[in-house]
Amino acid sequence: MPVGHAGGRRRARPDRGDCSSRLASTIHRVTFTEPGTAPVENLYARIGGTGPHLVFAGHTDVVPPGEQAKWTHPPFAGEVVGGALYGRGAVDMKGAVACALAATLDHLAARGGKPKGSISFLITGDEESIAVNGTVKLLKWAAERGESFDHCILGEPSNVAALGDTIKVGRRGSLNGTLVITGKQGHVAYPERADNPVRGLVALMSALMDGRRSTKATREFRPFEPRIHLDRHRQPDRQSHSRRGARALQHPLQRSPQPRFAQDAD
């Protein structure tokens, strides 16, 4: 997989190599872009034309490595030392994509080159960055071609203590909102005539954090987890004084899958 740059992030692009030609009867390299973003190449490959249809989903781009000189091993060298592979993306998630590919090739070899149903790879190069030219557009593109999937395996890392010890069913979702707390400006000599919005903000944050106790976990999902983000102070507006001293509170509520340990999985 050659390495390139897009959107300020170093990413690996799915390549049309020997493995791809052996694996898939249909290979599409689809590039998406929109104004203000770099073009991103994605891959969709499928072998088989009947159901059931299993798709392996994933991404090959990675987060920036930071100062490469501080790495014990070069982040993009893929060095194997002591039986361990070192490199940016070895876990999240080039390693999982490679394992899915290897498992698929083993499966095909055991079945004379034909899967039971169909197997696909839906791989994006835009997950760690702004994520606008990746999976969402690729799924829409696939749907417009009449592609549908019965099962999906996503190799994102979810291990707690050892490789393969946890399986998560489902994907976290969120409910997002913005709360604006408006105060009243004043002078330090007359504090009683001012209303600091931070006091109301702290009280509201405490209530929201306590609110998680009222949500219940299910077999598959944890209770809602508040994620609070405070924006920077709004500057005074000469046209309108109503927002002076206001603070905005972004308050997404996330619900994440419960970890399911391998020995407890159905």
C-alpha atoms as a PDB file:
ATOM      1  CA  MET A   1       0.000   0.000   0.000  1.00  0.00           C
ATOM      2  CA  PRO A   2       1.694   3.210  -1.125  1.00  0.00           C
ATOM      3  CA  VAL A   3       1.672   6.134   1.240  1.00  0.00           C
ATOM      4  CA  GLY A   4       0.491   9.599   0.203  1.00  0.00           C
ATOM      5  CA  HIS A   5      -0.741  12.868   1.639  1.00  0.00           C
ATOM      6  CA  ALA A   6      -4.247  14.321   1.611  1.00  0.00           C
ATOM      7  CA  GLY A   7      -5.870  16.924   3.796  1.00  0.00           C
ATOM      8  CA  GLY A   8      -2.720  17.356   5.873  1.00  0.00           C
ATOM      9  CA  ARG A   9      -2.764  13.726   7.002  1.00  0.00           C
ATOM     10  CA  ARG A  10      -0.519  10.962   5.868  1.00  0.00           C
ATOM     11  CA  ARG A  11      -2.621   8.111   4.580  1.00  0.00           C
ATOM     12  CA  ALA A  12      -2.180   4.768   2.858  1.00  0.00           C
ATOM     13  CA  ARG A  13      -4.240   4.221  -0.260  1.00  0.00           C
ATOM     14  CA  PRO A  14      -5.655   0.829  -1.282  1.00  0.00           C
ATOM     15  CA  ASP A  15      -3.520  -0.383  -4.147  1.00  0.00           C
ATOM     16  CA  ARG A  16      -4.301  -2.515  -7.187  1.00  0.00           C
ATOM     17  CA  GLY A  17      -1.789  -5.215  -6.382  1.00  0.00           C
ATOM     18  CA  ASP A  18      -1.551  -8.976  -6.662  1.00  0.00           C
ATOM     19  CA  CYS A  19      -3.740  -9.594  -3.615  1.00  0.00           C
ATOM     20  CA  SER A  20      -6.534  -7.465  -5.047  1.00  0.00           C
ATOM     21  CA  SER A  21      -6.465  -9.222  -8.382  1.00  0.00           C
ATOM     22  CA  ARG A  22      -6.614 -12.613  -6.683  1.00  0.00           C
ATOM     23  CA  LEU A  23      -9.297 -11.568  -4.258  1.00  0.00           C
ATOM     24  CA  ALA A  24     -11.964  -9.749  -6.214  1.00  0.00           C
ATOM     25  CA  SER A  25     -13.911 -10.269  -9.379  1.00  0.00           C
ATOM     26  CA  THR A  26     -14.980  -6.604  -9.214  1.00  0.00           C
ATOM     27  CA  ILE A  27     -12.674  -3.789  -8.126  1.00  0.00           C
ATOM     28  CA  HIS A  28     -13.566  -0.101  -8.052  1.00  0.00           C
ATOM     29  CA  ARG A  29     -11.297   2.736  -7.032  1.00  0.00           C
ATOM     30  CA  VAL A  30     -13.629   5.620  -6.367  1.00  0.00           C
ATOM     31  CA  THR A  31     -12.428   9.168  -5.713  1.00  0.00           C
ATOM     32  CA  PHE A  32     -14.618  11.673  -3.899  1.00  0.00           C
ATOM     33  CA  THR A  33     -14.063  15.356  -3.342  1.00  0.00           C
ATOM     34  CA  GLU A  34     -15.921  18.572  -2.672  1.00  0.00           C
ATOM     35  CA  PRO A  35     -14.941  22.252  -2.530  1.00  0.00           C
ATOM     36  CA  GLY A  36     -12.381  22.977   0.132  1.00  0.00           C
ATOM     37  CA  THR A  37     -11.297  19.353   0.584  1.00  0.00           C
ATOM     38  CA  ALA A  38      -8.610  17.203  -0.963  1.00  0.00           C
ATOM     39  CA  PRO A  39      -9.713  14.342  -3.244  1.00  0.00           C
ATOM     40  CA  VAL A  40      -9.720  10.995  -1.456  1.00  0.00           C
ATOM     41  CA  GLU A  41      -9.442   7.615  -3.122  1.00  0.00           C
ATOM     42  CA  ASN A  42     -11.612   4.785  -1.773  1.00  0.00           C
ATOM     43  CA  LEU A  43     -11.808   1.108  -2.646  1.00  0.00           C
ATOM     44  CA  TYR A  44     -14.727  -1.256  -3.178  1.00  0.00           C
ATOM     45  CA  ALA A  45     -13.977  -4.840  -4.123  1.00  0.00           C
ATOM     46  CA  ARG A  46     -16.344  -7.804  -4.344  1.00  0.00           C
ATOM     47  CA  ILE A  47     -16.113 -11.459  -5.175  1.00  0.00           C
ATOM     48  CA  GLY A  48     -19.267 -13.482  -5.678  1.00  0.00           C
ATOM     49  CA  GLY A  49     -22.664 -12.464  -6.975  1.00  0.00           C
ATOM     50  CA  THR A  50     -25.137 -14.086  -4.602  1.00  0.00           C
ATOM     51  CA  GLY A  51     -26.114 -13.888  -0.924  1.00  0.00           C
ATOM     52  CA  PRO A  52     -25.403 -13.896   1.867  1.00  0.00           C
ATOM     53  CA  HIS A  53     -23.172 -10.872   1.418  1.00  0.00           C
ATOM     54  CA  LEU A  54     -20.448 -10.200   4.006  1.00  0.00           C
ATOM     55  CA  VAL A  55     -18.572  -6.900   3.834  1.00  0.00           C
ATOM     56  CA  PHE A  56     -15.333  -6.061   5.591  1.00  0.00           C
ATOM     57  CA  ALA A  57     -15.257  -2.307   6.283  1.00  0.00           C
ATOM     58  CA  GLY A  58     -12.297  -0.228   7.309  1.00  0.00           C
ATOM     59  CA  HIS A  59      -9.915   2.616   6.577  1.00  0.00           C
ATOM     60  CA  THR A  60      -6.263   2.909   5.634  1.00  0.00           C
ATOM     61  CA  ASP A  61      -5.558   6.525   6.580  1.00  0.00           C
ATOM     62  CA  VAL A  62      -3.931   7.236   9.919  1.00  0.00           C
ATOM     63  CA  VAL A  63      -3.537  10.041  12.433  1.00  0.00           C
ATOM     64  CA  PRO A  64      -0.363  12.137  12.105  1.00  0.00           C
ATOM     65  CA  PRO A  65       2.705  10.523  13.676  1.00  0.00           C
ATOM     66  CA  GLY A  66       3.945  13.691  15.346  1.00  0.00           C
ATOM     67  CA  GLU A  67       7.697  13.992  15.680  1.00  0.00           C
ATOM     68  CA  GLN A  68       8.968  10.907  13.911  1.00  0.00           C
ATOM     69  CA  ALA A  69      12.348  11.203  15.603  1.00  0.00           C
ATOM     70  CA  LYS A  70      10.680  10.345  18.919  1.00  0.00           C
ATOM     71  CA  TRP A  71       9.445   6.987  17.629  1.00  0.00           C
ATOM     72  CA  THR A  72      11.355   3.898  18.691  1.00  0.00           C
ATOM     73  CA  HIS A  73      10.723   2.531  15.197  1.00  0.00           C
ATOM     74  CA  PRO A  74       9.929   4.618  12.097  1.00  0.00           C
ATOM     75  CA  PRO A  75       6.136   5.062  12.015  1.00  0.00           C
ATOM     76  CA  PHE A  76       5.793   4.097   8.339  1.00  0.00           C
ATOM     77  CA  ALA A  77       8.457   1.385   8.098  1.00  0.00           C
ATOM     78  CA  GLY A  78       6.339  -1.510   9.339  1.00  0.00           C
ATOM     79  CA  GLU A  79       9.214  -3.079  11.248  1.00  0.00           C
ATOM     80  CA  VAL A  80       8.698  -6.434  12.951  1.00  0.00           C
ATOM     81  CA  VAL A  81      10.648  -6.725  16.208  1.00  0.00           C
ATOM     82  CA  GLY A  82      10.203  -9.514  18.729  1.00  0.00           C
ATOM     83  CA  GLY A  83       7.167 -10.828  16.905  1.00  0.00           C
ATOM     84  CA  ALA A  84       5.372  -7.444  17.065  1.00  0.00           C
ATOM     85  CA  LEU A  85       4.647  -5.108  14.147  1.00  0.00           C
ATOM     86  CA  TYR A  86       5.486  -1.463  14.810  1.00  0.00           C
ATOM     87  CA  GLY A  87       4.052   1.386  12.781  1.00  0.00           C
ATOM     88  CA  ARG A  88       1.348   4.018  12.590  1.00  0.00           C
ATOM     89  CA  GLY A  89      -1.869   2.234  11.697  1.00  0.00           C
ATOM     90  CA  ALA A  90      -0.709  -1.232  12.706  1.00  0.00           C
ATOM     91  CA  VAL A  91      -3.688  -1.338  15.085  1.00  0.00           C
ATOM     92  CA  ASP A  92      -5.937   1.433  13.753  1.00  0.00           C
ATOM     93  CA  MET A  93      -6.429  -0.035  11.316  1.00  0.00           C
ATOM     94  CA  LYS A  94      -4.212  -1.236   8.488  1.00  0.00           C
ATOM     95  CA  GLY A  95      -3.503  -4.384  10.495  1.00  0.00           C
ATOM     96  CA  ALA A  96      -7.191  -5.304  10.623  1.00  0.00           C
ATOM     97  CA  VAL A  97      -7.602  -4.705   6.884  1.00  0.00           C
ATOM     98  CA  ALA A  98      -4.611  -6.943   6.193  1.00  0.00           C
ATOM     99  CA  CYS A  99      -5.978  -9.663   8.500  1.00  0.00           C
ATOM    100  CA  ALA A 100      -9.386  -9.537   6.788  1.00  0.00           C
ATOM    101  CA  LEU A 101      -7.695  -9.865   3.411  1.00  0.00           C
ATOM    102  CA  ALA A 102      -5.573 -12.793   4.578  1.00  0.00           C
ATOM    103  CA  ALA A 103      -8.581 -14.547   6.120  1.00  0.00           C
ATOM    104  CA  THR A 104     -10.569 -14.079   2.926  1.00  0.00           C
ATOM    105  CA  LEU A 105      -7.781 -15.536   0.800  1.00  0.00           C
ATOM    106  CA  ASP A 106      -7.566 -18.551   3.153  1.00  0.00           C
ATOM    107  CA  HIS A 107     -11.342 -18.992   2.929  1.00  0.00           C
ATOM    108  CA  LEU A 108     -11.267 -18.869  -0.874  1.00  0.00           C
ATOM    109  CA  ALA A 109      -8.381 -21.304  -1.039  1.00  0.00           C
ATOM    110  CA  ALA A 110     -10.312 -23.775   1.129  1.00  0.00           C
ATOM    111  CA  ARG A 111     -13.394 -23.471  -1.107  1.00  0.00           C
ATOM    112  CA  GLY A 112     -11.749 -23.722  -4.482  1.00  0.00           C
ATOM    113  CA  GLY A 113     -11.741 -19.986  -5.063  1.00  0.00           C
ATOM    114  CA  LYS A 114     -15.477 -19.466  -4.595  1.00  0.00           C
ATOM    115  CA  PRO A 115     -17.040 -17.967  -1.458  1.00  0.00           C
ATOM    116  CA  LYS A 116     -20.342 -19.024   0.040  1.00  0.00           C
ATOM    117  CA  GLY A 117     -22.327 -16.064  -1.243  1.00  0.00           C
ATOM    118  CA  SER A 118     -20.293 -12.871  -1.628  1.00  0.00           C
ATOM    119  CA  ILE A 119     -17.459 -11.153   0.208  1.00  0.00           C
ATOM    120  CA  SER A 120     -16.693  -7.467  -0.195  1.00  0.00           C
ATOM    121  CA  PHE A 121     -14.165  -4.930   1.025  1.00  0.00           C
ATOM    122  CA  LEU A 122     -15.351  -1.364   1.593  1.00  0.00           C
ATOM    123  CA  ILE A 123     -12.222   0.597   2.417  1.00  0.00           C
ATOM    124  CA  THR A 124     -11.944   4.364   2.776  1.00  0.00           C
ATOM    125  CA  GLY A 125      -9.014   6.735   2.904  1.00  0.00           C
ATOM    126  CA  ASP A 126     -10.869   9.415   4.858  1.00  0.00           C
ATOM    127  CA  GLU A 127     -11.734   8.399   8.422  1.00  0.00           C
ATOM    128  CA  GLU A 128      -9.139  10.016  10.644  1.00  0.00           C
ATOM    129  CA  SER A 129      -9.328  13.415   8.935  1.00  0.00           C
ATOM    130  CA  ILE A 130     -12.519  15.428   8.271  1.00  0.00           C
ATOM    131  CA  ALA A 131     -14.302  12.268   7.080  1.00  0.00           C
ATOM    132  CA  VAL A 132     -16.428  13.786   4.327  1.00  0.00           C
ATOM    133  CA  ASN A 133     -15.071  11.955   1.282  1.00  0.00           C
ATOM    134  CA  GLY A 134     -15.119   8.459   2.691  1.00  0.00           C
ATOM    135  CA  THR A 135     -17.533   5.871   4.045  1.00  0.00           C
ATOM    136  CA  VAL A 136     -20.780   7.857   3.803  1.00  0.00           C
ATOM    137  CA  LYS A 137     -20.229   8.700   0.142  1.00  0.00           C
ATOM    138  CA  LEU A 138     -18.896   5.230  -0.612  1.00  0.00           C
ATOM    139  CA  LEU A 139     -21.995   3.591   0.880  1.00  0.00           C
ATOM    140  CA  LYS A 140     -24.228   5.906  -1.132  1.00  0.00           C
ATOM    141  CA  TRP A 141     -22.259   5.070  -4.272  1.00  0.00           C
ATOM    142  CA  ALA A 142     -22.613   1.339  -3.561  1.00  0.00           C
ATOM    143  CA  ALA A 143     -26.358   1.652  -2.917  1.00  0.00           C
ATOM    144  CA  GLU A 144     -26.845   3.476  -6.220  1.00  0.00           C
ATOM    145  CA  ARG A 145     -25.191   0.496  -7.910  1.00  0.00           C
ATOM    146  CA  GLY A 146     -27.660  -1.870  -6.245  1.00  0.00           C
ATOM    147  CA  GLU A 147     -25.216  -3.224  -3.673  1.00  0.00           C
ATOM    148  CA  SER A 148     -26.671  -4.431  -0.362  1.00  0.00           C
ATOM    149  CA  PHE A 149     -25.030  -6.128   2.579  1.00  0.00           C
ATOM    150  CA  ASP A 150     -26.271  -8.789   4.983  1.00  0.00           C
ATOM    151  CA  HIS A 151     -23.411  -8.663   7.488  1.00  0.00           C
ATOM    152  CA  CYS A 152     -20.518  -6.322   8.247  1.00  0.00           C
ATOM    153  CA  ILE A 153     -17.293  -6.818  10.170  1.00  0.00           C
ATOM    154  CA  LEU A 154     -15.368  -3.693  11.159  1.00  0.00           C
ATOM    155  CA  GLY A 155     -11.873  -4.315  12.427  1.00  0.00           C
ATOM    156  CA  GLU A 156     -11.521  -1.194  14.547  1.00  0.00           C
ATOM    157  CA  PRO A 157      -9.495  -1.983  17.692  1.00  0.00           C
ATOM    158  CA  SER A 158     -11.696  -2.802  20.684  1.00  0.00           C
ATOM    159  CA  ASN A 159      -9.447  -5.057  22.735  1.00  0.00           C
ATOM    160  CA  VAL A 160      -9.389  -4.476  26.477  1.00  0.00           C
ATOM    161  CA  ALA A 161      -6.489  -6.624  27.676  1.00  0.00           C
ATOM    162  CA  ALA A 162      -5.549  -9.098  24.947  1.00  0.00           C
ATOM    163  CA  LEU A 163      -5.930  -9.422  21.196  1.00  0.00           C
ATOM    164  CA  GLY A 164      -9.421 -10.569  20.292  1.00  0.00           C
ATOM    165  CA  ASP A 165     -10.819 -10.496  23.827  1.00  0.00           C
ATOM    166  CA  THR A 166     -13.726  -8.150  23.034  1.00  0.00           C
ATOM    167  CA  ILE A 167     -16.457  -8.063  20.418  1.00  0.00           C
ATOM    168  CA  LYS A 168     -18.749  -5.049  20.148  1.00  0.00           C
ATOM    169  CA  VAL A 169     -22.161  -5.313  18.545  1.00  0.00           C
ATOM    170  CA  GLY A 170     -23.379  -2.033  17.065  1.00  0.00           C
ATOM    171  CA  ARG A 171     -22.000   1.456  16.751  1.00  0.00           C
ATOM    172  CA  ARG A 172     -22.210   4.384  19.119  1.00  0.00           C
ATOM    173  CA  GLY A 173     -24.646   7.130  18.248  1.00  0.00           C
ATOM    174  CA  SER A 174     -25.079  10.631  19.557  1.00  0.00           C
ATOM    175  CA  LEU A 175     -27.612  13.342  20.215  1.00  0.00           C
ATOM    176  CA  ASN A 176     -26.096  16.789  19.820  1.00  0.00           C
ATOM    177  CA  GLY A 177     -27.267  20.200  20.937  1.00  0.00           C
ATOM    178  CA  THR A 178     -25.927  23.643  21.801  1.00  0.00           C
ATOM    179  CA  LEU A 179     -26.954  25.569  24.917  1.00  0.00           C
ATOM    180  CA  VAL A 180     -26.218  29.277  25.163  1.00  0.00           C
ATOM    181  CA  ILE A 181     -25.906  30.756  28.657  1.00  0.00           C
ATOM    182  CA  THR A 182     -26.301  34.540  28.527  1.00  0.00           C
ATOM    183  CA  GLY A 183     -24.863  36.756  31.238  1.00  0.00           C
ATOM    184  CA  LYS A 184     -24.796  40.470  31.916  1.00  0.00           C
ATOM    185  CA  GLN A 185     -21.629  42.492  31.731  1.00  0.00           C
ATOM    186  CA  GLY A 186     -20.676  44.781  34.548  1.00  0.00           C
ATOM    187  CA  HIS A 187     -17.828  46.450  36.390  1.00  0.00           C
ATOM    188  CA  VAL A 188     -15.734  44.842  39.080  1.00  0.00           C
ATOM    189  CA  ALA A 189     -16.690  47.701  41.396  1.00  0.00           C
ATOM    190  CA  TYR A 190     -20.377  46.772  41.090  1.00  0.00           C
ATOM    191  CA  PRO A 191     -20.457  42.954  40.977  1.00  0.00           C
ATOM    192  CA  GLU A 192     -24.062  42.887  42.145  1.00  0.00           C
ATOM    193  CA  ARG A 193     -25.109  44.488  38.858  1.00  0.00           C
ATOM    194  CA  ALA A 194     -23.423  41.856  36.703  1.00  0.00           C
ATOM    195  CA  ASP A 195     -24.363  38.272  35.974  1.00  0.00           C
ATOM    196  CA  ASN A 196     -21.430  35.991  35.245  1.00  0.00           C
ATOM    197  CA  PRO A 197     -22.639  33.234  32.855  1.00  0.00           C
ATOM    198  CA  VAL A 198     -19.959  30.865  34.146  1.00  0.00           C
ATOM    199  CA  ARG A 199     -21.925  30.295  37.373  1.00  0.00           C
ATOM    200  CA  GLY A 200     -24.958  29.157  35.435  1.00  0.00           C
ATOM    201  CA  LEU A 201     -22.753  27.112  33.159  1.00  0.00           C
ATOM    202  CA  VAL A 202     -21.181  25.217  36.057  1.00  0.00           C
ATOM    203  CA  ALA A 203     -24.584  24.453  37.568  1.00  0.00           C
ATOM    204  CA  LEU A 204     -25.899  23.239  34.226  1.00  0.00           C
ATOM    205  CA  MET A 205     -22.848  21.068  33.597  1.00  0.00           C
ATOM    206  CA  SER A 206     -23.250  19.443  37.007  1.00  0.00           C
ATOM    207  CA  ALA A 207     -26.898  18.663  36.287  1.00  0.00           C
ATOM    208  CA  LEU A 208     -26.037  17.180  32.906  1.00  0.00           C
ATOM    209  CA  MET A 209     -23.259  15.029  34.344  1.00  0.00           C
ATOM    210  CA  ASP A 210     -25.555  13.781  37.100  1.00  0.00           C
ATOM    211  CA  GLY A 211     -28.156  12.967  34.494  1.00  0.00           C
ATOM    212  CA  ARG A 212     -26.238   9.929  33.280  1.00  0.00           C
ATOM    213  CA  ARG A 213     -27.327   8.138  36.449  1.00  0.00           C
ATOM    214  CA  SER A 214     -30.915   8.193  35.185  1.00  0.00           C
ATOM    215  CA  THR A 215     -30.082   6.353  31.955  1.00  0.00           C
ATOM    216  CA  LYS A 216     -29.976   2.590  32.006  1.00  0.00           C
ATOM    217  CA  ALA A 217     -27.566   0.243  30.343  1.00  0.00           C
ATOM    218  CA  THR A 218     -28.813  -2.548  28.128  1.00  0.00           C
ATOM    219  CA  ARG A 219     -27.209  -5.837  27.161  1.00  0.00           C
ATOM    220  CA  GLU A 220     -25.674  -4.197  24.109  1.00  0.00           C
ATOM    221  CA  PHE A 221     -25.210  -0.526  25.094  1.00  0.00           C
ATOM    222  CA  ARG A 222     -23.848   1.457  27.979  1.00  0.00           C
ATOM    223  CA  PRO A 223     -25.695   4.403  29.573  1.00  0.00           C
ATOM    224  CA  PHE A 224     -25.519   7.741  27.807  1.00  0.00           C
ATOM    225  CA  GLU A 225     -22.216   9.513  28.358  1.00  0.00           C
ATOM    226  CA  PRO A 226     -22.296  13.338  28.274  1.00  0.00           C
ATOM    227  CA  ARG A 227     -19.492  14.911  26.271  1.00  0.00           C
ATOM    228  CA  ILE A 228     -19.288  18.617  27.010  1.00  0.00           C
ATOM    229  CA  HIS A 229     -17.365  21.122  24.893  1.00  0.00           C
ATOM    230  CA  LEU A 230     -17.110  24.799  25.785  1.00  0.00           C
ATOM    231  CA  ASP A 231     -16.511  27.263  22.975  1.00  0.00           C
ATOM    232  CA  ARG A 232     -14.408  30.389  23.253  1.00  0.00           C
ATOM    233  CA  HIS A 233     -15.812  33.581  24.739  1.00  0.00           C
ATOM    234  CA  ARG A 234     -18.074  35.472  22.371  1.00  0.00           C
ATOM    235  CA  GLN A 235     -16.888  38.971  21.566  1.00  0.00           C
ATOM    236  CA  PRO A 236     -19.251  41.929  22.165  1.00  0.00           C
ATOM    237  CA  ASP A 237     -21.453  42.766  19.201  1.00  0.00           C
ATOM    238  CA  ARG A 238     -21.931  46.483  18.620  1.00  0.00           C
ATOM    239  CA  GLN A 239     -25.237  45.870  16.887  1.00  0.00           C
ATOM    240  CA  SER A 240     -26.717  43.768  19.659  1.00  0.00           C
ATOM    241  CA  HIS A 241     -25.822  43.648  23.320  1.00  0.00           C
ATOM    242  CA  SER A 242     -28.035  40.648  24.060  1.00  0.00           C
ATOM    243  CA  ARG A 243     -25.207  38.124  23.558  1.00  0.00           C
ATOM    244  CA  ARG A 244     -22.549  39.917  25.550  1.00  0.00           C
ATOM    245  CA  GLY A 245     -20.890  37.672  28.068  1.00  0.00           C
ATOM    246  CA  ALA A 246     -22.554  34.579  26.620  1.00  0.00           C
ATOM    247  CA  ARG A 247     -20.989  31.174  26.568  1.00  0.00           C
ATOM    248  CA  ALA A 248     -22.079  28.331  24.315  1.00  0.00           C
ATOM    249  CA  LEU A 249     -22.103  24.775  25.556  1.00  0.00           C
ATOM    250  CA  GLN A 250     -21.981  21.940  23.054  1.00  0.00           C
ATOM    251  CA  HIS A 251     -23.475  18.873  24.642  1.00  0.00           C
ATOM    252  CA  PRO A 252     -23.393  15.650  22.641  1.00  0.00           C
ATOM    253  CA  LEU A 253     -24.847  12.576  24.362  1.00  0.00           C
ATOM    254  CA  GLN A 254     -23.098   9.435  23.209  1.00  0.00           C
ATOM    255  CA  ARG A 255     -24.226   5.869  23.654  1.00  0.00           C
ATOM    256  CA  SER A 256     -21.540   3.269  23.142  1.00  0.00           C
ATOM    257  CA  PRO A 257     -21.746  -0.497  22.717  1.00  0.00           C
ATOM    258  CA  GLN A 258     -21.113  -2.671  25.744  1.00  0.00           C
ATOM    259  CA  PRO A 259     -17.857  -4.633  25.578  1.00  0.00           C
ATOM    260  CA  ARG A 260     -18.625  -8.311  25.014  1.00  0.00           C
ATOM    261  CA  PHE A 261     -15.791 -10.589  25.938  1.00  0.00           C
ATOM    262  CA  ALA A 262     -15.030 -13.453  23.619  1.00  0.00           C
ATOM    263  CA  GLN A 263     -15.902 -16.119  26.159  1.00  0.00           C
ATOM    264  CA  ASP A 264     -19.327 -14.507  26.690  1.00  0.00           C
ATOM    265  CA  ALA A 265     -20.147 -13.892  23.037  1.00  0.00           C
ATOM    266  CA  ASP A 266     -22.983 -15.873  21.483  1.00  0.00           C
END
